[in-house]
Amino acid sequence: MSEVNLLAVSVGNTRTRIGGFVDGKLAETATFVNDRNGKITDAIDRAYAPLRGKDDAVVLLSSVNPTIAEPIQKTLAAHLGREVHLAERDFNIPIGRQLDPEAMVGEDRLLNAAAAYDVLKQTCVVVDAGTAITVDFVDGAGTFHGGAIAPGAQLMLDSLNQRTAQLPDVEFDRPENVIGHNTIEAMKVGVFHGLRGMVRELVEQFAEHAGQFPLVVATGGDAPLLFQDYDLIDRIAPDLTLMGLAATLRIAREQADEAQ
C-alpha cells in the first residue's frame, strides 16, 4: 500500500477544512470560515506543520464552490510555494458512478462515498450534514448511485426567519425538549427531528431498494448535533471528505505503480 504525505483541502460552501496526512495518517486538522480570509494562513500553517520537511508532500484540493476555491488555491500556492493539485482534474476520485449522463455531482459527495467504501468495503449510506444535507447510497461493489439533497439545519432556520413575518433569527442547536414550549425551541425541534426523520426514511427506502440494510456513516459540521447517540447512525466520521482526498491520492499512486 502506498502511504501518502498530503495536505488535503476541502472547500465547502461555508467552511474550508484542511488536514495534514503523514504516511497516510491524519496528523492535524484546521478549519476556517470562508468569508474570514484573515484566518486562512493560520489554518494552513497549523495543518501543514506535521508535513514540514516532507519533500514529497502533495497539496490536493476539492471544492463545491469554484468561486470561493480559486482565491484559496492561489493563497495555498503562494504561502506554501507548492503546486496545488485538484481532485477530478489531476486525480480521479476512486468511486464508481451510476448516474444520469448529464448529472453534476459535488466532489464532496464523491469523496465521502470513496472514503466510506475504502474503509467499509460494503453497501453503505453516507449522510453529510452541512449547509445542505445529503444522503447518498453506495452499493456493495463500490458504486455511487446518488441519493437526496435537502436544506441543512441552519438553512432551514434561516428560511423560516426570512420567509415569515414573526419567526425570529435562530442559531441551530440541539433542542432541550421534544416539545418546544416557545417559538425558538419549537423551530429547533422541527428542524432537528425533521432532519433525523428524513434521514431515517431515506435509509429505510434505500435498504428496501438494495435488499439489505446498509451501514450508515455521518459526516459534516452538524453531524454530532444531529446524530450523536442516534441508533440509525453506525459511526460519525468528521474528517470523511479529507479521508476521501487521501484515498484518492493513495489509490492513484497504487494504480500508477501497477501500470509500470
Protein backbone atom coordinates (compact mmCIF):
# COMPACT_ATOMS: atom_id res chain seq x y z
CA MET A 1 0.00 0.00 0.00
CA SER A 2 1.33 3.41 -0.99
CA GLU A 3 1.25 5.71 2.04
CA VAL A 4 0.92 9.41 1.32
CA ASN A 5 2.17 12.68 2.72
CA LEU A 6 -0.64 15.05 1.88
CA LEU A 7 -2.19 18.40 2.67
CA ALA A 8 -5.86 17.77 1.91
CA VAL A 9 -8.08 20.84 1.43
CA SER A 10 -11.86 20.58 1.25
CA VAL A 11 -13.59 23.85 0.30
CA GLY A 12 -17.25 23.82 1.33
CA ASN A 13 -19.95 26.42 0.84
CA THR A 14 -19.46 27.88 4.32
CA ARG A 15 -16.19 26.48 5.68
CA THR A 16 -12.91 25.07 4.45
CA ARG A 17 -11.35 22.11 6.26
CA ILE A 18 -7.66 21.27 5.92
CA GLY A 19 -5.87 18.11 7.01
CA GLY A 20 -2.22 17.10 7.12
CA PHE A 21 -1.64 13.38 6.44
CA VAL A 22 1.76 11.91 7.35
CA ASP A 23 2.42 8.42 5.97
CA GLY A 24 -1.29 8.07 5.29
CA LYS A 25 -2.40 9.01 8.81
CA LEU A 26 -4.30 12.19 9.60
CA ALA A 27 -1.98 14.13 11.91
CA GLU A 28 -3.53 17.60 12.14
CA THR A 29 -6.66 19.45 11.02
CA ALA A 30 -7.79 23.06 10.86
CA THR A 31 -10.96 24.82 9.76
CA PHE A 32 -11.77 28.39 8.77
CA VAL A 33 -14.94 30.17 7.71
CA ASN A 34 -14.73 31.09 4.03
CA ASP A 35 -15.68 34.75 4.48
CA ARG A 36 -12.96 35.26 7.10
CA ASN A 37 -9.93 35.26 4.84
CA GLY A 38 -7.65 36.53 7.59
CA LYS A 39 -7.75 33.08 9.19
CA ILE A 40 -6.66 31.12 6.11
CA THR A 41 -2.88 31.27 6.54
CA ASP A 42 -3.16 30.35 10.24
CA ALA A 43 -5.22 27.30 9.28
CA ILE A 44 -2.76 26.34 6.53
CA ASP A 45 0.22 26.62 8.88
CA ARG A 46 -1.47 24.51 11.55
CA ALA A 47 -2.48 21.68 9.22
CA TYR A 48 0.80 21.75 7.30
CA ALA A 49 3.04 21.73 10.39
CA PRO A 50 3.46 17.91 10.53
CA LEU A 51 4.43 17.91 6.83
CA ARG A 52 7.31 20.36 7.04
CA GLY A 53 10.44 18.69 5.73
CA LYS A 54 8.40 16.15 3.72
CA ASP A 55 9.64 16.94 0.22
CA ASP A 56 7.18 14.50 -1.36
CA ALA A 57 4.13 16.12 0.24
CA VAL A 58 1.27 16.80 -2.17
CA VAL A 59 -1.35 19.54 -1.85
CA LEU A 60 -4.73 18.29 -3.10
CA LEU A 61 -7.84 20.46 -3.12
CA SER A 62 -11.50 19.70 -3.69
CA SER A 63 -14.31 22.21 -3.85
CA VAL A 64 -18.07 22.55 -4.14
CA ASN A 65 -17.75 26.27 -4.90
CA PRO A 66 -15.23 27.28 -7.61
CA THR A 67 -15.65 31.00 -6.91
CA ILE A 68 -14.53 30.51 -3.31
CA ALA A 69 -11.91 27.88 -4.17
CA GLU A 70 -9.94 29.94 -6.70
CA PRO A 71 -8.54 32.53 -4.23
CA ILE A 72 -7.93 29.79 -1.64
CA GLN A 73 -5.97 27.81 -4.24
CA LYS A 74 -3.86 30.88 -5.04
CA THR A 75 -3.20 31.57 -1.37
CA LEU A 76 -2.15 27.96 -0.78
CA ALA A 77 0.27 28.01 -3.71
CA ALA A 78 1.80 31.35 -2.71
CA HIS A 79 2.01 30.61 1.01
CA LEU A 80 3.47 27.11 0.70
CA GLY A 81 5.42 27.51 -2.53
CA ARG A 82 3.91 24.27 -3.81
CA GLU A 83 1.72 23.28 -6.72
CA VAL A 84 -1.91 22.77 -5.77
CA HIS A 85 -3.49 19.73 -7.42
CA LEU A 86 -7.23 19.46 -7.95
CA ALA A 87 -9.44 16.45 -7.34
CA GLU A 88 -11.05 15.09 -10.53
CA ARG A 89 -8.82 17.23 -12.74
CA ASP A 90 -5.47 15.79 -11.63
CA PHE A 91 -6.59 12.68 -9.73
CA ASN A 92 -9.86 10.88 -10.36
CA ILE A 93 -11.95 10.26 -7.25
CA PRO A 94 -11.92 6.45 -6.90
CA ILE A 95 -15.61 5.61 -6.79
CA GLY A 96 -17.82 4.01 -9.44
CA ARG A 97 -20.83 6.02 -10.58
CA GLN A 98 -24.31 5.10 -11.74
CA LEU A 99 -25.84 8.45 -12.55
CA ASP A 100 -27.74 10.20 -15.30
CA PRO A 101 -25.37 11.21 -18.14
CA GLU A 102 -25.88 14.92 -17.51
CA ALA A 103 -25.60 14.66 -13.72
CA MET A 104 -23.32 17.14 -11.94
CA VAL A 105 -22.30 15.77 -8.54
CA GLY A 106 -20.42 17.70 -5.88
CA GLU A 107 -16.89 16.49 -5.28
CA ASP A 108 -17.58 16.30 -1.55
CA ARG A 109 -20.29 13.69 -2.11
CA LEU A 110 -17.97 11.57 -4.26
CA LEU A 111 -15.08 11.90 -1.83
CA ASN A 112 -17.27 10.94 1.12
CA ALA A 113 -18.51 7.89 -0.77
CA ALA A 114 -14.97 6.91 -1.78
CA ALA A 115 -13.70 7.24 1.79
CA ALA A 116 -16.59 5.27 3.27
CA TYR A 117 -16.28 2.44 0.78
CA ASP A 118 -12.48 2.40 1.06
CA VAL A 119 -12.87 1.52 4.75
CA LEU A 120 -16.12 -0.45 4.85
CA LYS A 121 -15.96 -2.36 1.54
CA GLN A 122 -19.73 -2.92 1.67
CA THR A 123 -23.10 -1.30 0.97
CA CYS A 124 -23.40 1.96 2.88
CA VAL A 125 -25.23 5.25 3.13
CA VAL A 126 -23.30 8.48 3.67
CA VAL A 127 -25.05 11.41 5.36
CA ASP A 128 -23.28 14.77 5.07
CA ALA A 129 -24.87 17.38 7.34
CA GLY A 130 -23.55 20.79 6.38
CA THR A 131 -25.03 23.85 4.69
CA ALA A 132 -27.09 21.31 2.77
CA ILE A 133 -27.68 17.76 3.94
CA THR A 134 -27.06 14.93 1.50
CA VAL A 135 -27.98 11.28 1.91
CA ASP A 136 -26.18 9.08 -0.63
CA PHE A 137 -26.22 5.37 -1.44
CA VAL A 138 -23.12 3.31 -2.28
CA ASP A 139 -23.64 -0.31 -3.31
CA GLY A 140 -21.57 -3.34 -2.33
CA ALA A 141 -19.44 -3.07 -5.47
CA GLY A 142 -18.34 0.47 -4.62
CA THR A 143 -20.66 2.31 -6.99
CA PHE A 144 -22.11 5.70 -6.06
CA HIS A 145 -25.77 5.95 -7.06
CA GLY A 146 -26.58 9.45 -5.81
CA GLY A 147 -29.37 9.99 -3.31
CA ALA A 148 -31.07 13.03 -1.84
CA ILE A 149 -30.24 16.69 -1.17
CA ALA A 150 -32.12 18.89 1.29
CA PRO A 151 -31.54 22.16 3.14
CA GLY A 152 -29.31 21.82 6.16
CA ALA A 153 -30.37 22.75 9.68
CA GLN A 154 -29.23 26.38 9.68
CA LEU A 155 -30.53 26.93 6.15
CA MET A 156 -33.96 25.72 7.29
CA LEU A 157 -33.95 28.07 10.27
CA ASP A 158 -32.74 30.98 8.14
CA SER A 159 -35.52 30.33 5.63
CA LEU A 160 -38.16 30.34 8.38
CA ASN A 161 -36.87 33.70 9.58
CA GLN A 162 -36.57 35.25 6.13
CA ARG A 163 -39.84 34.00 4.65
CA THR A 164 -42.17 34.69 7.57
CA ALA A 165 -43.25 37.85 9.38
CA GLN A 166 -42.76 36.82 13.01
CA LEU A 167 -40.36 33.88 13.29
CA PRO A 168 -37.02 35.00 14.77
CA ASP A 169 -33.43 34.57 13.65
CA VAL A 170 -32.27 31.37 15.40
CA GLU A 171 -28.88 29.66 15.62
CA PHE A 172 -29.16 25.90 15.26
CA ASP A 173 -28.58 23.84 18.37
CA ARG A 174 -29.91 20.57 19.74
CA PRO A 175 -33.32 21.22 21.35
CA GLU A 176 -33.63 20.56 25.06
CA ASN A 177 -37.13 19.02 24.84
CA VAL A 178 -39.11 17.00 22.34
CA ILE A 179 -41.94 19.57 22.60
CA GLY A 180 -40.99 23.19 22.01
CA HIS A 181 -42.60 25.33 24.71
CA ASN A 182 -41.65 28.59 22.99
CA THR A 183 -41.14 29.71 19.40
CA ILE A 184 -37.36 29.30 19.30
CA GLU A 185 -37.47 25.83 20.81
CA ALA A 186 -40.33 24.85 18.51
CA MET A 187 -38.25 25.87 15.48
CA LYS A 188 -35.26 23.86 16.73
CA VAL A 189 -37.46 20.83 17.44
CA GLY A 190 -38.98 20.98 13.97
CA VAL A 191 -35.63 21.17 12.22
CA PHE A 192 -33.84 18.65 14.45
CA HIS A 193 -36.46 15.92 14.36
CA GLY A 194 -37.47 16.73 10.80
CA LEU A 195 -33.94 16.10 9.52
CA ARG A 196 -33.49 12.96 11.60
CA GLY A 197 -36.82 11.63 10.39
CA MET A 198 -35.96 12.43 6.77
CA VAL A 199 -32.66 10.58 7.02
CA ARG A 200 -34.31 7.54 8.62
CA GLU A 201 -37.00 7.41 5.93
CA LEU A 202 -34.42 7.64 3.15
CA VAL A 203 -32.15 4.98 4.66
CA GLU A 204 -35.12 2.62 5.01
CA GLN A 205 -36.13 3.27 1.40
CA PHE A 206 -32.56 2.69 0.20
CA ALA A 207 -32.43 -0.55 2.23
CA GLU A 208 -35.64 -1.77 0.61
CA HIS A 209 -34.22 -0.93 -2.82
CA ALA A 210 -30.94 -2.74 -2.07
CA GLY A 211 -32.49 -5.73 -0.35
CA GLN A 212 -30.26 -5.24 2.70
CA PHE A 213 -29.82 -2.69 5.45
CA PRO A 214 -26.67 -0.62 4.84
CA LEU A 215 -24.16 0.73 7.29
CA VAL A 216 -24.80 4.46 7.82
CA VAL A 217 -21.94 6.93 8.16
CA ALA A 218 -22.48 10.59 9.05
CA THR A 219 -20.13 13.50 8.48
CA GLY A 220 -20.31 17.29 8.22
CA GLY A 221 -20.33 20.10 10.75
CA ASP A 222 -23.82 19.38 12.09
CA ALA A 223 -23.42 15.59 12.29
CA PRO A 224 -22.59 15.47 16.03
CA LEU A 225 -25.53 17.74 16.93
CA LEU A 226 -27.98 15.82 14.78
CA PHE A 227 -26.82 12.23 15.10
CA GLN A 228 -24.80 11.68 18.27
CA ASP A 229 -26.30 8.64 20.02
CA TYR A 230 -28.86 8.17 17.23
CA ASP A 231 -29.47 4.44 16.74
CA LEU A 232 -29.67 4.78 12.95
CA ILE A 233 -26.08 6.01 12.60
CA ASP A 234 -23.31 3.42 12.82
CA ARG A 235 -20.48 5.93 13.02
CA ILE A 236 -19.74 9.65 12.80
CA ALA A 237 -16.63 10.49 10.76
CA PRO A 238 -15.96 14.24 10.91
CA ASP A 239 -12.97 14.03 8.55
CA LEU A 240 -14.57 11.83 5.89
CA THR A 241 -14.01 14.25 2.99
CA LEU A 242 -10.34 14.66 3.92
CA MET A 243 -10.02 10.88 4.12
CA GLY A 244 -11.52 10.72 0.64
CA LEU A 245 -8.78 13.02 -0.65
CA ALA A 246 -6.14 10.82 0.98
CA ALA A 247 -7.70 7.71 -0.58
CA THR A 248 -7.80 9.47 -3.95
CA LEU A 249 -4.06 10.16 -3.93
CA ARG A 250 -3.12 6.76 -2.48
CA ILE A 251 -5.17 4.76 -4.99
CA ALA A 252 -3.91 6.88 -7.90
CA ARG A 253 -0.33 6.07 -6.87
CA GLU A 254 -1.12 2.38 -6.44
CA GLN A 255 -2.67 2.26 -9.91
CA ALA A 256 0.35 4.04 -11.38
CA ASP A 257 2.69 1.53 -9.70
CA GLU A 258 0.66 -1.39 -11.07
CA ALA A 259 0.76 0.09 -14.59
CA GLN A 260 4.58 0.22 -14.62
